[in-house]
Amino acid sequence: MDALCPICQKVMTEVSGHFHCSHCHGHYQQQAECPDCAKPLQVLKACGAVDYFCQNGHGLISKSRVRFSYLPTV
C-alpha cells in the first residue's frame, strides 16, 4: 500500500522513519487510527510483530482495519 501525500496525493517515500513527498517537499509522520472512533492507536511491538490497540474501548485492532493518516512534521 502506497503512502499518499495529504496535500498533493502523490506517492511518498519513507526516509528514516518518516515520509517525504518529492513533489510538494512535505515531511510527514504516519499515525495509526482506530477505524471505529478515529482516535490514535497505541502501537505494540514485540518479537517482530506489530499490533494495534485502541485505548478508547475497542481493544486490539486488526492490521487490515487500521487507518493511517499523515501528520506534518515540524
PDB file of N, CA and C in Angstrom:
ATOM      1  N   MET A   1       0.845  -1.174   0.000  1.00  0.00           N
ATOM      2  CA  MET A   1       0.000   0.000   0.000  1.00  0.00           C
ATOM      3  C   MET A   1       0.894   1.242   0.000  1.00  0.00           C
ATOM      4  N   ASP A   2       0.678   2.110  -0.962  1.00  0.00           N
ATOM      5  CA  ASP A   2       1.468   3.330  -1.070  1.00  0.00           C
ATOM      6  C   ASP A   2       0.947   4.392  -0.120  1.00  0.00           C
ATOM      7  N   ALA A   3       1.875   5.167   0.436  1.00  0.00           N
ATOM      8  CA  ALA A   3       1.515   6.304   1.286  1.00  0.00           C
ATOM      9  C   ALA A   3       1.349   7.513   0.376  1.00  0.00           C
ATOM     10  N   LEU A   4       0.147   8.093   0.394  1.00  0.00           N
ATOM     11  CA  LEU A   4      -0.125   9.253  -0.454  1.00  0.00           C
ATOM     12  C   LEU A   4      -0.026  10.541   0.344  1.00  0.00           C
ATOM     13  N   CYS A   5       0.575  11.548  -0.262  1.00  0.00           N
ATOM     14  CA  CYS A   5       0.724  12.855   0.366  1.00  0.00           C
ATOM     15  C   CYS A   5      -0.657  13.453   0.639  1.00  0.00           C
ATOM     16  N   PRO A   6      -0.897  13.955   1.862  1.00  0.00           N
ATOM     17  CA  PRO A   6      -2.212  14.539   2.172  1.00  0.00           C
ATOM     18  C   PRO A   6      -2.462  15.866   1.448  1.00  0.00           C
ATOM     19  N   ILE A   7      -1.429  16.478   0.889  1.00  0.00           N
ATOM     20  CA  ILE A   7      -1.580  17.753   0.179  1.00  0.00           C
ATOM     21  C   ILE A   7      -1.808  17.548  -1.317  1.00  0.00           C
ATOM     22  N   CYS A   8      -0.876  16.829  -1.977  1.00  0.00           N
ATOM     23  CA  CYS A   8      -0.940  16.710  -3.438  1.00  0.00           C
ATOM     24  C   CYS A   8      -1.354  15.323  -3.939  1.00  0.00           C
ATOM     25  N   GLN A   9      -1.528  14.360  -3.029  1.00  0.00           N
ATOM     26  CA  GLN A   9      -1.957  12.993  -3.350  1.00  0.00           C
ATOM     27  C   GLN A   9      -0.957  12.202  -4.197  1.00  0.00           C
ATOM     28  N   LYS A  10       0.307  12.627  -4.218  1.00  0.00           N
ATOM     29  CA  LYS A  10       1.364  11.873  -4.908  1.00  0.00           C
ATOM     30  C   LYS A  10       1.942  10.843  -3.938  1.00  0.00           C
ATOM     31  N   VAL A  11       2.559   9.787  -4.469  1.00  0.00           N
ATOM     32  CA  VAL A  11       3.152   8.742  -3.643  1.00  0.00           C
ATOM     33  C   VAL A  11       4.381   9.303  -2.915  1.00  0.00           C
ATOM     34  N   MET A  12       4.464   9.033  -1.603  1.00  0.00           N
ATOM     35  CA  MET A  12       5.592   9.486  -0.800  1.00  0.00           C
ATOM     36  C   MET A  12       6.570   8.344  -0.596  1.00  0.00           C
ATOM     37  N   THR A  13       7.803   8.684  -0.244  1.00  0.00           N
ATOM     38  CA  THR A  13       8.814   7.684   0.073  1.00  0.00           C
ATOM     39  C   THR A  13       9.132   7.753   1.556  1.00  0.00           C
ATOM     40  N   GLU A  14       9.434   6.590   2.133  1.00  0.00           N
ATOM     41  CA  GLU A  14       9.791   6.541   3.553  1.00  0.00           C
ATOM     42  C   GLU A  14      11.282   6.799   3.695  1.00  0.00           C
ATOM     43  N   VAL A  15      11.628   7.770   4.550  1.00  0.00           N
ATOM     44  CA  VAL A  15      13.016   8.149   4.776  1.00  0.00           C
ATOM     45  C   VAL A  15      13.247   8.279   6.277  1.00  0.00           C
ATOM     46  N   SER A  16      14.074   7.425   6.842  1.00  0.00           N
ATOM     47  CA  SER A  16      14.461   7.495   8.263  1.00  0.00           C
ATOM     48  C   SER A  16      13.268   7.606   9.215  1.00  0.00           C
ATOM     49  N   GLY A  17      12.266   6.786   9.025  1.00  0.00           N
ATOM     50  CA  GLY A  17      11.140   6.752   9.954  1.00  0.00           C
ATOM     51  C   GLY A  17      10.042   7.769   9.704  1.00  0.00           C
ATOM     52  N   HIS A  18      10.164   8.578   8.654  1.00  0.00           N
ATOM     53  CA  HIS A  18       9.085   9.495   8.301  1.00  0.00           C
ATOM     54  C   HIS A  18       8.884   9.436   6.786  1.00  0.00           C
ATOM     55  N   PHE A  19       7.905  10.147   6.279  1.00  0.00           N
ATOM     56  CA  PHE A  19       7.604  10.121   4.854  1.00  0.00           C
ATOM     57  C   PHE A  19       7.912  11.467   4.228  1.00  0.00           C
ATOM     58  N   HIS A  20       8.427  11.422   2.998  1.00  0.00           N
ATOM     59  CA  HIS A  20       8.794  12.638   2.275  1.00  0.00           C
ATOM     60  C   HIS A  20       8.088  12.642   0.923  1.00  0.00           C
ATOM     61  N   CYS A  21       7.488  13.789   0.589  1.00  0.00           N
ATOM     62  CA  CYS A  21       6.861  13.965  -0.720  1.00  0.00           C
ATOM     63  C   CYS A  21       7.817  14.777  -1.589  1.00  0.00           C
ATOM     64  N   SER A  22       8.333  14.160  -2.638  1.00  0.00           N
ATOM     65  CA  SER A  22       9.279  14.852  -3.513  1.00  0.00           C
ATOM     66  C   SER A  22       8.572  15.852  -4.421  1.00  0.00           C
ATOM     67  N   HIS A  23       7.245  15.752  -4.530  1.00  0.00           N
ATOM     68  CA  HIS A  23       6.504  16.676  -5.393  1.00  0.00           C
ATOM     69  C   HIS A  23       6.278  18.031  -4.709  1.00  0.00           C
ATOM     70  N   CYS A  24       5.761  18.016  -3.479  1.00  0.00           N
ATOM     71  CA  CYS A  24       5.492  19.280  -2.768  1.00  0.00           C
ATOM     72  C   CYS A  24       6.486  19.526  -1.626  1.00  0.00           C
ATOM     73  N   HIS A  25       7.459  18.613  -1.460  1.00  0.00           N
ATOM     74  CA  HIS A  25       8.551  18.731  -0.479  1.00  0.00           C
ATOM     75  C   HIS A  25       8.078  18.722   0.969  1.00  0.00           C
ATOM     76  N   GLY A  26       6.959  18.059   1.242  1.00  0.00           N
ATOM     77  CA  GLY A  26       6.459  17.938   2.609  1.00  0.00           C
ATOM     78  C   GLY A  26       7.081  16.753   3.333  1.00  0.00           C
ATOM     79  N   HIS A  27       7.145  16.844   4.655  1.00  0.00           N
ATOM     80  CA  HIS A  27       7.624  15.763   5.516  1.00  0.00           C
ATOM     81  C   HIS A  27       6.491  15.399   6.464  1.00  0.00           C
ATOM     82  N   TYR A  28       6.199  14.095   6.578  1.00  0.00           N
ATOM     83  CA  TYR A  28       5.048  13.649   7.348  1.00  0.00           C
ATOM     84  C   TYR A  28       5.388  12.452   8.218  1.00  0.00           C
ATOM     85  N   GLN A  29       4.720  12.383   9.363  1.00  0.00           N
ATOM     86  CA  GLN A  29       4.828  11.245  10.274  1.00  0.00           C
ATOM     87  C   GLN A  29       3.541  10.433  10.148  1.00  0.00           C
ATOM     88  N   GLN A  30       3.666   9.128  10.022  1.00  0.00           N
ATOM     89  CA  GLN A  30       2.490   8.255   9.901  1.00  0.00           C
ATOM     90  C   GLN A  30       1.868   8.043  11.275  1.00  0.00           C
ATOM     91  N   GLN A  31       0.528   8.101  11.331  1.00  0.00           N
ATOM     92  CA  GLN A  31      -0.196   7.853  12.573  1.00  0.00           C
ATOM     93  C   GLN A  31      -1.281   6.818  12.315  1.00  0.00           C
ATOM     94  N   ALA A  32      -1.312   5.767  13.137  1.00  0.00           N
ATOM     95  CA  ALA A  32      -2.339   4.735  13.043  1.00  0.00           C
ATOM     96  C   ALA A  32      -3.572   5.195  13.809  1.00  0.00           C
ATOM     97  N   GLU A  33      -4.756   5.050  13.181  1.00  0.00           N
ATOM     98  CA  GLU A  33      -6.009   5.479  13.809  1.00  0.00           C
ATOM     99  C   GLU A  33      -7.014   4.334  13.837  1.00  0.00           C
ATOM    100  N   CYS A  34      -7.819   4.320  14.889  1.00  0.00           N
ATOM    101  CA  CYS A  34      -8.877   3.326  15.048  1.00  0.00           C
ATOM    102  C   CYS A  34      -9.955   3.538  13.984  1.00  0.00           C
ATOM    103  N   PRO A  35     -10.383   2.480  13.300  1.00  0.00           N
ATOM    104  CA  PRO A  35     -11.430   2.623  12.291  1.00  0.00           C
ATOM    105  C   PRO A  35     -12.809   2.876  12.906  1.00  0.00           C
ATOM    106  N   ASP A  36     -12.969   2.615  14.209  1.00  0.00           N
ATOM    107  CA  ASP A  36     -14.260   2.783  14.863  1.00  0.00           C
ATOM    108  C   ASP A  36     -14.449   4.172  15.475  1.00  0.00           C
ATOM    109  N   CYS A  37     -13.370   4.719  16.080  1.00  0.00           N
ATOM    110  CA  CYS A  37     -13.511   6.011  16.768  1.00  0.00           C
ATOM    111  C   CYS A  37     -12.578   7.097  16.215  1.00  0.00           C
ATOM    112  N   ALA A  38     -11.711   6.732  15.277  1.00  0.00           N
ATOM    113  CA  ALA A  38     -10.776   7.674  14.633  1.00  0.00           C
ATOM    114  C   ALA A  38      -9.758   8.280  15.597  1.00  0.00           C
ATOM    115  N   LYS A  39      -9.563   7.679  16.763  1.00  0.00           N
ATOM    116  CA  LYS A  39      -8.557   8.141  17.724  1.00  0.00           C
ATOM    117  C   LYS A  39      -7.232   7.429  17.436  1.00  0.00           C
ATOM    118  N   PRO A  40      -6.093   8.045  17.804  1.00  0.00           N
ATOM    119  CA  PRO A  40      -4.800   7.384  17.596  1.00  0.00           C
ATOM    120  C   PRO A  40      -4.719   6.051  18.349  1.00  0.00           C
ATOM    121  N   LEU A  41      -4.075   5.081  17.710  1.00  0.00           N
ATOM    122  CA  LEU A  41      -3.890   3.764  18.303  1.00  0.00           C
ATOM    123  C   LEU A  41      -2.520   3.663  18.949  1.00  0.00           C
ATOM    124  N   GLN A  42      -2.434   2.836  19.978  1.00  0.00           N
ATOM    125  CA  GLN A  42      -1.156   2.519  20.588  1.00  0.00           C
ATOM    126  C   GLN A  42      -0.543   1.402  19.752  1.00  0.00           C
ATOM    127  N   VAL A  43       0.715   1.581  19.358  1.00  0.00           N
ATOM    128  CA  VAL A  43       1.419   0.580  18.562  1.00  0.00           C
ATOM    129  C   VAL A  43       2.223  -0.293  19.513  1.00  0.00           C
ATOM    130  N   LEU A  44       1.969  -1.607  19.454  1.00  0.00           N
ATOM    131  CA  LEU A  44       2.657  -2.573  20.314  1.00  0.00           C
ATOM    132  C   LEU A  44       3.596  -3.404  19.451  1.00  0.00           C
ATOM    133  N   LYS A  45       4.895  -3.377  19.770  1.00  0.00           N
ATOM    134  CA  LYS A  45       5.881  -4.139  19.011  1.00  0.00           C
ATOM    135  C   LYS A  45       6.565  -5.130  19.939  1.00  0.00           C
ATOM    136  N   ALA A  46       6.565  -6.416  19.544  1.00  0.00           N
ATOM    137  CA  ALA A  46       7.224  -7.448  20.333  1.00  0.00           C
ATOM    138  C   ALA A  46       7.558  -8.635  19.434  1.00  0.00           C
ATOM    139  N   CYS A  47       8.762  -9.116  19.544  1.00  0.00           N
ATOM    140  CA  CYS A  47       9.201 -10.311  18.812  1.00  0.00           C
ATOM    141  C   CYS A  47       8.972 -10.198  17.302  1.00  0.00           C
ATOM    142  N   GLY A  48       9.143  -9.014  16.760  1.00  0.00           N
ATOM    143  CA  GLY A  48       8.972  -8.804  15.331  1.00  0.00           C
ATOM    144  C   GLY A  48       7.548  -8.563  14.885  1.00  0.00           C
ATOM    145  N   ALA A  49       6.586  -8.720  15.778  1.00  0.00           N
ATOM    146  CA  ALA A  49       5.177  -8.496  15.434  1.00  0.00           C
ATOM    147  C   ALA A  49       4.764  -7.071  15.797  1.00  0.00           C
ATOM    148  N   VAL A  50       3.854  -6.517  15.017  1.00  0.00           N
ATOM    149  CA  VAL A  50       3.308  -5.192  15.299  1.00  0.00           C
ATOM    150  C   VAL A  50       1.798  -5.342  15.468  1.00  0.00           C
ATOM    151  N   ASP A  51       1.292  -4.894  16.609  1.00  0.00           N
ATOM    152  CA  ASP A  51      -0.141  -4.942  16.892  1.00  0.00           C
ATOM    153  C   ASP A  51      -0.616  -3.537  17.222  1.00  0.00           C
ATOM    154  N   TYR A  52      -1.923  -3.321  17.107  1.00  0.00           N
ATOM    155  CA  TYR A  52      -2.513  -2.010  17.360  1.00  0.00           C
ATOM    156  C   TYR A  52      -3.609  -2.145  18.398  1.00  0.00           C
ATOM    157  N   PHE A  53      -3.611  -1.240  19.380  1.00  0.00           N
ATOM    158  CA  PHE A  53      -4.553  -1.293  20.487  1.00  0.00           C
ATOM    159  C   PHE A  53      -5.254   0.054  20.637  1.00  0.00           C
ATOM    160  N   CYS A  54      -6.585   0.030  20.709  1.00  0.00           N
ATOM    161  CA  CYS A  54      -7.375   1.231  20.928  1.00  0.00           C
ATOM    162  C   CYS A  54      -7.627   1.375  22.428  1.00  0.00           C
ATOM    163  N   GLN A  55      -7.172   2.486  22.992  1.00  0.00           N
ATOM    164  CA  GLN A  55      -7.355   2.745  24.417  1.00  0.00           C
ATOM    165  C   GLN A  55      -8.728   3.332  24.728  1.00  0.00           C
ATOM    166  N   ASN A  56      -9.580   3.445  23.718  1.00  0.00           N
ATOM    167  CA  ASN A  56     -10.909   4.025  23.897  1.00  0.00           C
ATOM    168  C   ASN A  56     -12.009   2.972  23.876  1.00  0.00           C
ATOM    169  N   GLY A  57     -11.666   1.743  24.259  1.00  0.00           N
ATOM    170  CA  GLY A  57     -12.679   0.703  24.427  1.00  0.00           C
ATOM    171  C   GLY A  57     -12.859  -0.260  23.274  1.00  0.00           C
ATOM    172  N   HIS A  58     -12.072  -0.140  22.198  1.00  0.00           N
ATOM    173  CA  HIS A  58     -12.249  -1.038  21.067  1.00  0.00           C
ATOM    174  C   HIS A  58     -11.230  -2.177  21.045  1.00  0.00           C
ATOM    175  N   GLY A  59     -10.291  -2.178  21.995  1.00  0.00           N
ATOM    176  CA  GLY A  59      -9.351  -3.284  22.149  1.00  0.00           C
ATOM    177  C   GLY A  59      -8.364  -3.416  21.011  1.00  0.00           C
ATOM    178  N   LEU A  60      -7.929  -4.663  20.762  1.00  0.00           N
ATOM    179  CA  LEU A  60      -6.980  -4.920  19.681  1.00  0.00           C
ATOM    180  C   LEU A  60      -7.665  -4.713  18.333  1.00  0.00           C
ATOM    181  N   ILE A  61      -6.952  -4.052  17.436  1.00  0.00           N
ATOM    182  CA  ILE A  61      -7.478  -3.756  16.096  1.00  0.00           C
ATOM    183  C   ILE A  61      -6.627  -4.505  15.078  1.00  0.00           C
ATOM    184  N   SER A  62      -7.273  -5.234  14.198  1.00  0.00           N
ATOM    185  CA  SER A  62      -6.586  -5.971  13.150  1.00  0.00           C
ATOM    186  C   SER A  62      -5.825  -5.011  12.241  1.00  0.00           C
ATOM    187  N   LYS A  63      -4.624  -5.414  11.819  1.00  0.00           N
ATOM    188  CA  LYS A  63      -3.814  -4.579  10.918  1.00  0.00           C
ATOM    189  C   LYS A  63      -4.574  -4.218   9.650  1.00  0.00           C
ATOM    190  N   SER A  64      -5.431  -5.120   9.186  1.00  0.00           N
ATOM    191  CA  SER A  64      -6.172  -4.858   7.952  1.00  0.00           C
ATOM    192  C   SER A  64      -7.248  -3.782   8.124  1.00  0.00           C
ATOM    193  N   ARG A  65      -7.614  -3.475   9.367  1.00  0.00           N
ATOM    194  CA  ARG A  65      -8.640  -2.455   9.622  1.00  0.00           C
ATOM    195  C   ARG A  65      -8.064  -1.090  10.004  1.00  0.00           C
ATOM    196  N   VAL A  66      -6.782  -1.040  10.342  1.00  0.00           N
ATOM    197  CA  VAL A  66      -6.163   0.208  10.787  1.00  0.00           C
ATOM    198  C   VAL A  66      -6.165   1.221   9.653  1.00  0.00           C
ATOM    199  N   ARG A  67      -6.515   2.465   9.985  1.00  0.00           N
ATOM    200  CA  ARG A  67      -6.437   3.569   9.026  1.00  0.00           C
ATOM    201  C   ARG A  67      -5.196   4.391   9.364  1.00  0.00           C
ATOM    202  N   PHE A  68      -4.480   4.813   8.348  1.00  0.00           N
ATOM    203  CA  PHE A  68      -3.287   5.610   8.567  1.00  0.00           C
ATOM    204  C   PHE A  68      -3.512   7.029   8.068  1.00  0.00           C
ATOM    205  N   SER A  69      -3.066   7.997   8.863  1.00  0.00           N
ATOM    206  CA  SER A  69      -3.079   9.380   8.430  1.00  0.00           C
ATOM    207  C   SER A  69      -1.635   9.868   8.482  1.00  0.00           C
ATOM    208  N   TYR A  70      -1.382  10.978   7.835  1.00  0.00           N
ATOM    209  CA  TYR A  70      -0.029  11.518   7.762  1.00  0.00           C
ATOM    210  C   TYR A  70      -0.045  12.948   8.259  1.00  0.00           C
ATOM    211  N   LEU A  71       0.686  13.157   9.358  1.00  0.00           N
ATOM    212  CA  LEU A  71       0.729  14.460  10.020  1.00  0.00           C
ATOM    213  C   LEU A  71       2.039  15.160   9.667  1.00  0.00           C
ATOM    214  N   PRO A  72       1.981  16.467   9.402  1.00  0.00           N
ATOM    215  CA  PRO A  72       3.217  17.196   9.081  1.00  0.00           C
ATOM    216  C   PRO A  72       4.189  17.154  10.266  1.00  0.00           C
ATOM    217  N   THR A  73       5.462  16.981   9.965  1.00  0.00           N
ATOM    218  CA  THR A  73       6.493  17.039  10.992  1.00  0.00           C
ATOM    219  C   THR A  73       6.988  18.477  11.085  1.00  0.00           C
ATOM    220  N   VAL A  74       7.441  18.834  12.264  1.00  0.00           N
ATOM    221  CA  VAL A  74       7.886  20.211  12.484  1.00  0.00           C
ATOM    222  C   VAL A  74       9.372  20.324  12.261  1.00  0.00           C
TER     223      VAL A  74
END
